């Protein structure tokens, strides 16, 4: 299973979108400065997670997430 996810940093008021096979491990990496873009911008909170049966589908889902503007992301995250 592959997942697209959105993280939020309340300190910096920014969102980060990505793809992973292991959401728990990936969140740990973001919060422990193991990811170049998110390093030093945490703490990060997982605010959105969606599973896909294939990597290809997850990559398409990630591309869609990355094309959203902030308002659309907030609508998605807040339901």
PDB file of N, CA and C in Angstrom:
ATOM      1  N   UNK A   1       0.847  -1.182   0.000  1.00  0.00           N
ATOM      2  CA  UNK A   1       0.000   0.000   0.000  1.00  0.00           C
ATOM      3  C   UNK A   1       0.891   1.243   0.000  1.00  0.00           C
ATOM      4  N   UNK A   2       0.480   2.232  -0.759  1.00  0.00           N
ATOM      5  CA  UNK A   2       1.173   3.525  -0.798  1.00  0.00           C
ATOM      6  C   UNK A   2       0.210   4.601  -0.327  1.00  0.00           C
ATOM      7  N   UNK A   3       0.752   5.651   0.236  1.00  0.00           N
ATOM      8  CA  UNK A   3      -0.072   6.704   0.814  1.00  0.00           C
ATOM      9  C   UNK A   3       0.387   8.081   0.360  1.00  0.00           C
ATOM     10  N   UNK A   4      -0.587   8.951   0.123  1.00  0.00           N
ATOM     11  CA  UNK A   4      -0.282  10.368   0.002  1.00  0.00           C
ATOM     12  C   UNK A   4      -0.629  10.978   1.346  1.00  0.00           C
ATOM     13  N   UNK A   5       0.093  12.036   1.695  1.00  0.00           N
ATOM     14  CA  UNK A   5      -0.142  12.629   3.002  1.00  0.00           C
ATOM     15  C   UNK A   5       0.099  14.123   2.950  1.00  0.00           C
ATOM     16  N   UNK A   6      -0.505  14.806   3.915  1.00  0.00           N
ATOM     17  CA  UNK A   6      -0.263  16.225   4.108  1.00  0.00           C
ATOM     18  C   UNK A   6       0.120  16.421   5.564  1.00  0.00           C
ATOM     19  N   UNK A   7       1.222  17.127   5.764  1.00  0.00           N
ATOM     20  CA  UNK A   7       1.674  17.504   7.096  1.00  0.00           C
ATOM     21  C   UNK A   7       1.451  19.000   7.278  1.00  0.00           C
ATOM     22  N   UNK A   8       1.301  19.397   8.535  1.00  0.00           N
ATOM     23  CA  UNK A   8       1.145  20.817   8.835  1.00  0.00           C
ATOM     24  C   UNK A   8       2.075  21.208   9.974  1.00  0.00           C
ATOM     25  N   UNK A   9       2.754  22.336   9.801  1.00  0.00           N
ATOM     26  CA  UNK A   9       3.582  22.909  10.852  1.00  0.00           C
ATOM     27  C   UNK A   9       2.861  24.138  11.389  1.00  0.00           C
ATOM     28  N   UNK A  10       2.365  24.058  12.605  1.00  0.00           N
ATOM     29  CA  UNK A  10       1.662  25.190  13.217  1.00  0.00           C
ATOM     30  C   UNK A  10       2.619  26.344  13.505  1.00  0.00           C
ATOM     31  N   UNK A  11       3.874  26.048  13.763  1.00  0.00           N
ATOM     32  CA  UNK A  11       4.866  27.078  14.053  1.00  0.00           C
ATOM     33  C   UNK A  11       5.084  27.971  12.833  1.00  0.00           C
ATOM     34  N   UNK A  12       5.241  27.345  11.660  1.00  0.00           N
ATOM     35  CA  UNK A  12       5.519  28.085  10.435  1.00  0.00           C
ATOM     36  C   UNK A  12       4.281  28.280   9.557  1.00  0.00           C
ATOM     37  N   UNK A  13       3.161  27.656   9.960  1.00  0.00           N
ATOM     38  CA  UNK A  13       1.897  27.748   9.224  1.00  0.00           C
ATOM     39  C   UNK A  13       2.054  27.335   7.756  1.00  0.00           C
ATOM     40  N   UNK A  14       2.716  26.188   7.569  1.00  0.00           N
ATOM     41  CA  UNK A  14       2.914  25.670   6.221  1.00  0.00           C
ATOM     42  C   UNK A  14       2.479  24.211   6.137  1.00  0.00           C
ATOM     43  N   UNK A  15       2.129  23.818   4.906  1.00  0.00           N
ATOM     44  CA  UNK A  15       1.760  22.435   4.609  1.00  0.00           C
ATOM     45  C   UNK A  15       2.862  21.800   3.782  1.00  0.00           C
ATOM     46  N   UNK A  16       3.001  20.485   3.940  1.00  0.00           N
ATOM     47  CA  UNK A  16       3.929  19.703   3.129  1.00  0.00           C
ATOM     48  C   UNK A  16       3.169  18.494   2.608  1.00  0.00           C
ATOM     49  N   UNK A  17       3.288  18.220   1.313  1.00  0.00           N
ATOM     50  CA  UNK A  17       2.609  17.082   0.702  1.00  0.00           C
ATOM     51  C   UNK A  17       3.631  16.062   0.230  1.00  0.00           C
ATOM     52  N   UNK A  18       3.317  14.768   0.413  1.00  0.00           N
ATOM     53  CA  UNK A  18       4.261  13.742  -0.007  1.00  0.00           C
ATOM     54  C   UNK A  18       3.610  12.385  -0.203  1.00  0.00           C
ATOM     55  N   UNK A  19       4.466  11.396  -0.458  1.00  0.00           N
ATOM     56  CA  UNK A  19       4.042  10.012  -0.683  1.00  0.00           C
ATOM     57  C   UNK A  19       4.953   9.097   0.137  1.00  0.00           C
ATOM     58  N   UNK A  20       4.402   7.995   0.634  1.00  0.00           N
ATOM     59  CA  UNK A  20       5.191   7.055   1.434  1.00  0.00           C
ATOM     60  C   UNK A  20       4.529   5.687   1.458  1.00  0.00           C
ATOM     61  N   UNK A  21       5.300   4.702   1.867  1.00  0.00           N
ATOM     62  CA  UNK A  21       4.758   3.369   2.136  1.00  0.00           C
ATOM     63  C   UNK A  21       4.509   3.180   3.629  1.00  0.00           C
ATOM     64  N   UNK A  22       5.164   3.997   4.450  1.00  0.00           N
ATOM     65  CA  UNK A  22       5.054   3.846   5.893  1.00  0.00           C
ATOM     66  C   UNK A  22       4.810   5.225   6.535  1.00  0.00           C
ATOM     67  N   UNK A  23       3.552   5.613   6.714  1.00  0.00           N
ATOM     68  CA  UNK A  23       3.244   6.945   7.241  1.00  0.00           C
ATOM     69  C   UNK A  23       3.850   7.247   8.608  1.00  0.00           C
ATOM     70  N   UNK A  24       3.863   6.283   9.515  1.00  0.00           N
ATOM     71  CA  UNK A  24       4.416   6.515  10.851  1.00  0.00           C
ATOM     72  C   UNK A  24       5.913   6.806  10.784  1.00  0.00           C
ATOM     73  N   UNK A  25       6.626   5.993  10.024  1.00  0.00           N
ATOM     74  CA  UNK A  25       8.070   6.182   9.868  1.00  0.00           C
ATOM     75  C   UNK A  25       8.366   7.516   9.193  1.00  0.00           C
ATOM     76  N   UNK A  26       7.591   7.854   8.168  1.00  0.00           N
ATOM     77  CA  UNK A  26       7.837   9.102   7.431  1.00  0.00           C
ATOM     78  C   UNK A  26       7.574  10.314   8.323  1.00  0.00           C
ATOM     79  N   UNK A  27       6.534  10.289   9.137  1.00  0.00           N
ATOM     80  CA  UNK A  27       6.267  11.389  10.063  1.00  0.00           C
ATOM     81  C   UNK A  27       7.424  11.538  11.047  1.00  0.00           C
ATOM     82  N   UNK A  28       7.935  10.417  11.544  1.00  0.00           N
ATOM     83  CA  UNK A  28       9.080  10.452  12.449  1.00  0.00           C
ATOM     84  C   UNK A  28      10.273  11.119  11.759  1.00  0.00           C
ATOM     85  N   UNK A  29      10.518  10.753  10.499  1.00  0.00           N
ATOM     86  CA  UNK A  29      11.633  11.339   9.752  1.00  0.00           C
ATOM     87  C   UNK A  29      11.472  12.858   9.618  1.00  0.00           C
ATOM     88  N   UNK A  30      10.271  13.308   9.305  1.00  0.00           N
ATOM     89  CA  UNK A  30      10.033  14.751   9.184  1.00  0.00           C
ATOM     90  C   UNK A  30      10.266  15.457  10.520  1.00  0.00           C
ATOM     91  N   UNK A  31       9.806  14.857  11.590  1.00  0.00           N
ATOM     92  CA  UNK A  31       9.941  15.492  12.906  1.00  0.00           C
ATOM     93  C   UNK A  31      11.333  15.372  13.512  1.00  0.00           C
ATOM     94  N   UNK A  32      12.183  14.566  12.912  1.00  0.00           N
ATOM     95  CA  UNK A  32      13.545  14.399  13.412  1.00  0.00           C
ATOM     96  C   UNK A  32      14.587  14.880  12.397  1.00  0.00           C
ATOM     97  N   UNK A  33      14.162  15.816  11.566  1.00  0.00           N
ATOM     98  CA  UNK A  33      15.054  16.503  10.620  1.00  0.00           C
ATOM     99  C   UNK A  33      15.787  15.570   9.663  1.00  0.00           C
ATOM    100  N   UNK A  34      15.113  14.528   9.213  1.00  0.00           N
ATOM    101  CA  UNK A  34      15.694  13.582   8.251  1.00  0.00           C
ATOM    102  C   UNK A  34      15.234  13.880   6.826  1.00  0.00           C
ATOM    103  N   UNK A  35      14.442  14.917   6.656  1.00  0.00           N
ATOM    104  CA  UNK A  35      13.951  15.323   5.348  1.00  0.00           C
ATOM    105  C   UNK A  35      14.448  16.740   5.073  1.00  0.00           C
ATOM    106  N   UNK A  36      15.066  16.938   3.943  1.00  0.00           N
ATOM    107  CA  UNK A  36      15.713  18.217   3.644  1.00  0.00           C
ATOM    108  C   UNK A  36      14.747  19.396   3.698  1.00  0.00           C
ATOM    109  N   UNK A  37      13.603  19.310   3.029  1.00  0.00           N
ATOM    110  CA  UNK A  37      12.689  20.446   2.969  1.00  0.00           C
ATOM    111  C   UNK A  37      12.061  20.765   4.319  1.00  0.00           C
ATOM    112  N   UNK A  38      11.710  19.751   5.085  1.00  0.00           N
ATOM    113  CA  UNK A  38      10.984  19.982   6.331  1.00  0.00           C
ATOM    114  C   UNK A  38      11.895  20.157   7.543  1.00  0.00           C
ATOM    115  N   UNK A  39      13.177  19.957   7.357  1.00  0.00           N
ATOM    116  CA  UNK A  39      14.134  20.064   8.462  1.00  0.00           C
ATOM    117  C   UNK A  39      14.089  21.447   9.103  1.00  0.00           C
ATOM    118  N   UNK A  40      13.936  21.458  10.428  1.00  0.00           N
ATOM    119  CA  UNK A  40      13.932  22.704  11.179  1.00  0.00           C
ATOM    120  C   UNK A  40      12.641  23.494  11.108  1.00  0.00           C
ATOM    121  N   UNK A  41      11.596  22.912  10.486  1.00  0.00           N
ATOM    122  CA  UNK A  41      10.331  23.631  10.347  1.00  0.00           C
ATOM    123  C   UNK A  41       9.209  22.996  11.157  1.00  0.00           C
ATOM    124  N   UNK A  42       9.518  22.015  11.951  1.00  0.00           N
ATOM    125  CA  UNK A  42       8.507  21.305  12.724  1.00  0.00           C
ATOM    126  C   UNK A  42       8.199  22.004  14.027  1.00  0.00           C
ATOM    127  N   UNK A  43       7.430  21.356  14.874  1.00  0.00           N
ATOM    128  CA  UNK A  43       6.970  19.976  14.719  1.00  0.00           C
ATOM    129  C   UNK A  43       5.868  19.851  13.663  1.00  0.00           C
ATOM    130  N   UNK A  44       5.838  18.677  13.044  1.00  0.00           N
ATOM    131  CA  UNK A  44       4.879  18.391  11.988  1.00  0.00           C
ATOM    132  C   UNK A  44       3.755  17.521  12.521  1.00  0.00           C
ATOM    133  N   UNK A  45       2.561  17.794  12.039  1.00  0.00           N
ATOM    134  CA  UNK A  45       1.374  17.012  12.400  1.00  0.00           C
ATOM    135  C   UNK A  45       0.774  16.433  11.126  1.00  0.00           C
ATOM    136  N   UNK A  46       0.455  15.142  11.148  1.00  0.00           N
ATOM    137  CA  UNK A  46      -0.202  14.510  10.007  1.00  0.00           C
ATOM    138  C   UNK A  46      -1.666  14.941  10.004  1.00  0.00           C
ATOM    139  N   UNK A  47      -2.089  15.632   8.941  1.00  0.00           N
ATOM    140  CA  UNK A  47      -3.454  16.152   8.893  1.00  0.00           C
ATOM    141  C   UNK A  47      -4.293  15.516   7.788  1.00  0.00           C
ATOM    142  N   UNK A  48      -3.650  14.726   6.906  1.00  0.00           N
ATOM    143  CA  UNK A  48      -4.378  14.073   5.818  1.00  0.00           C
ATOM    144  C   UNK A  48      -3.602  12.844   5.393  1.00  0.00           C
ATOM    145  N   UNK A  49      -4.316  11.736   5.155  1.00  0.00           N
ATOM    146  CA  UNK A  49      -3.695  10.500   4.707  1.00  0.00           C
ATOM    147  C   UNK A  49      -4.685   9.753   3.827  1.00  0.00           C
ATOM    148  N   UNK A  50      -4.227   9.322   2.659  1.00  0.00           N
ATOM    149  CA  UNK A  50      -5.085   8.548   1.758  1.00  0.00           C
ATOM    150  C   UNK A  50      -4.266   7.404   1.172  1.00  0.00           C
ATOM    151  N   UNK A  51      -4.825   6.191   1.221  1.00  0.00           N
ATOM    152  CA  UNK A  51      -4.142   5.005   0.719  1.00  0.00           C
ATOM    153  C   UNK A  51      -4.473   4.696  -0.725  1.00  0.00           C
ATOM    154  N   UNK A  52      -3.492   4.101  -1.428  1.00  0.00           N
ATOM    155  CA  UNK A  52      -3.647   3.689  -2.822  1.00  0.00           C
ATOM    156  C   UNK A  52      -3.039   2.301  -2.987  1.00  0.00           C
ATOM    157  N   UNK A  53      -3.615   1.474  -3.864  1.00  0.00           N
ATOM    158  CA  UNK A  53      -3.096   0.124  -4.043  1.00  0.00           C
ATOM    159  C   UNK A  53      -1.777   0.058  -4.822  1.00  0.00           C
ATOM    160  N   UNK A  54      -1.443   1.101  -5.575  1.00  0.00           N
ATOM    161  CA  UNK A  54      -0.199   1.064  -6.350  1.00  0.00           C
ATOM    162  C   UNK A  54       0.557   2.378  -6.215  1.00  0.00           C
ATOM    163  N   UNK A  55       1.857   2.299  -6.450  1.00  0.00           N
ATOM    164  CA  UNK A  55       2.697   3.490  -6.385  1.00  0.00           C
ATOM    165  C   UNK A  55       2.290   4.501  -7.459  1.00  0.00           C
ATOM    166  N   UNK A  56       1.960   3.996  -8.626  1.00  0.00           N
ATOM    167  CA  UNK A  56       1.547   4.872  -9.733  1.00  0.00           C
ATOM    168  C   UNK A  56       0.330   5.709  -9.346  1.00  0.00           C
ATOM    169  N   UNK A  57      -0.676   5.063  -8.765  1.00  0.00           N
ATOM    170  CA  UNK A  57      -1.881   5.791  -8.344  1.00  0.00           C
ATOM    171  C   UNK A  57      -1.555   6.814  -7.249  1.00  0.00           C
ATOM    172  N   UNK A  58      -0.677   6.442  -6.336  1.00  0.00           N
ATOM    173  CA  UNK A  58      -0.292   7.363  -5.266  1.00  0.00           C
ATOM    174  C   UNK A  58       0.458   8.570  -5.829  1.00  0.00           C
ATOM    175  N   UNK A  59       1.319   8.347  -6.817  1.00  0.00           N
ATOM    176  CA  UNK A  59       2.039   9.461  -7.435  1.00  0.00           C
ATOM    177  C   UNK A  59       1.078  10.422  -8.146  1.00  0.00           C
ATOM    178  N   UNK A  60       0.059   9.869  -8.772  1.00  0.00           N
ATOM    179  CA  UNK A  60      -0.964  10.707  -9.404  1.00  0.00           C
ATOM    180  C   UNK A  60      -1.702  11.500  -8.332  1.00  0.00           C
ATOM    181  N   UNK A  61      -2.023  10.837  -7.225  1.00  0.00           N
ATOM    182  CA  UNK A  61      -2.681  11.519  -6.105  1.00  0.00           C
ATOM    183  C   UNK A  61      -1.818  12.617  -5.515  1.00  0.00           C
ATOM    184  N   UNK A  62      -0.519  12.364  -5.402  1.00  0.00           N
ATOM    185  CA  UNK A  62       0.398  13.377  -4.883  1.00  0.00           C
ATOM    186  C   UNK A  62       0.459  14.583  -5.826  1.00  0.00           C
ATOM    187  N   UNK A  63       0.504  14.322  -7.105  1.00  0.00           N
ATOM    188  CA  UNK A  63       0.530  15.416  -8.088  1.00  0.00           C
ATOM    189  C   UNK A  63      -0.720  16.290  -7.937  1.00  0.00           C
ATOM    190  N   UNK A  64      -1.857  15.648  -7.713  1.00  0.00           N
ATOM    191  CA  UNK A  64      -3.103  16.407  -7.511  1.00  0.00           C
ATOM    192  C   UNK A  64      -3.019  17.266  -6.253  1.00  0.00           C
ATOM    193  N   UNK A  65      -2.507  16.670  -5.160  1.00  0.00           N
ATOM    194  CA  UNK A  65      -2.367  17.430  -3.916  1.00  0.00           C
ATOM    195  C   UNK A  65      -1.465  18.643  -4.114  1.00  0.00           C
ATOM    196  N   UNK A  66      -0.360  18.441  -4.809  1.00  0.00           N
ATOM    197  CA  UNK A  66       0.602  19.527  -4.995  1.00  0.00           C
ATOM    198  C   UNK A  66       0.075  20.632  -5.906  1.00  0.00           C
ATOM    199  N   UNK A  67      -0.972  20.338  -6.665  1.00  0.00           N
ATOM    200  CA  UNK A  67      -1.540  21.366  -7.541  1.00  0.00           C
ATOM    201  C   UNK A  67      -2.590  22.223  -6.821  1.00  0.00           C
ATOM    202  N   UNK A  68      -2.977  21.823  -5.613  1.00  0.00           N
ATOM    203  CA  UNK A  68      -4.004  22.560  -4.878  1.00  0.00           C
ATOM    204  C   UNK A  68      -3.448  23.840  -4.263  1.00  0.00           C
ATOM    205  N   UNK A  69      -4.292  24.867  -4.213  1.00  0.00           N
ATOM    206  CA  UNK A  69      -3.899  26.084  -3.502  1.00  0.00           C
ATOM    207  C   UNK A  69      -4.192  25.898  -2.009  1.00  0.00           C
ATOM    208  N   UNK A  70      -3.737  26.833  -1.211  1.00  0.00           N
ATOM    209  CA  UNK A  70      -3.868  26.713   0.245  1.00  0.00           C
ATOM    210  C   UNK A  70      -5.325  26.554   0.685  1.00  0.00           C
ATOM    211  N   UNK A  71      -6.213  27.328   0.105  1.00  0.00           N
ATOM    212  CA  UNK A  71      -7.643  27.258   0.472  1.00  0.00           C
ATOM    213  C   UNK A  71      -8.199  25.858   0.203  1.00  0.00           C
ATOM    214  N   UNK A  72      -7.848  25.287  -0.939  1.00  0.00           N
ATOM    215  CA  UNK A  72      -8.316  23.953  -1.285  1.00  0.00           C
ATOM    216  C   UNK A  72      -7.741  22.893  -0.341  1.00  0.00           C
ATOM    217  N   UNK A  73      -6.488  23.064   0.037  1.00  0.00           N
ATOM    218  CA  UNK A  73      -5.864  22.135   0.985  1.00  0.00           C
ATOM    219  C   UNK A  73      -6.596  22.204   2.326  1.00  0.00           C
ATOM    220  N   UNK A  74      -6.885  23.407   2.778  1.00  0.00           N
ATOM    221  CA  UNK A  74      -7.565  23.565   4.063  1.00  0.00           C
ATOM    222  C   UNK A  74      -8.977  22.989   4.022  1.00  0.00           C
ATOM    223  N   UNK A  75      -9.674  23.127   2.897  1.00  0.00           N
ATOM    224  CA  UNK A  75     -10.998  22.517   2.757  1.00  0.00           C
ATOM    225  C   UNK A  75     -10.897  20.994   2.800  1.00  0.00           C
ATOM    226  N   UNK A  76      -9.892  20.430   2.130  1.00  0.00           N
ATOM    227  CA  UNK A  76      -9.687  18.989   2.135  1.00  0.00           C
ATOM    228  C   UNK A  76      -9.352  18.480   3.541  1.00  0.00           C
ATOM    229  N   UNK A  77      -8.449  19.156   4.214  1.00  0.00           N
ATOM    230  CA  UNK A  77      -7.998  18.746   5.537  1.00  0.00           C
ATOM    231  C   UNK A  77      -9.120  18.883   6.581  1.00  0.00           C
ATOM    232  N   UNK A  78      -9.895  19.923   6.472  1.00  0.00           N
ATOM    233  CA  UNK A  78     -10.946  20.183   7.458  1.00  0.00           C
ATOM    234  C   UNK A  78     -12.275  19.529   7.124  1.00  0.00           C
ATOM    235  N   UNK A  79     -12.307  18.773   6.045  1.00  0.00           N
ATOM    236  CA  UNK A  79     -13.478  18.000   5.688  1.00  0.00           C
ATOM    237  C   UNK A  79     -14.561  18.789   5.063  1.00  0.00           C
TER     238      UNK A  79
END
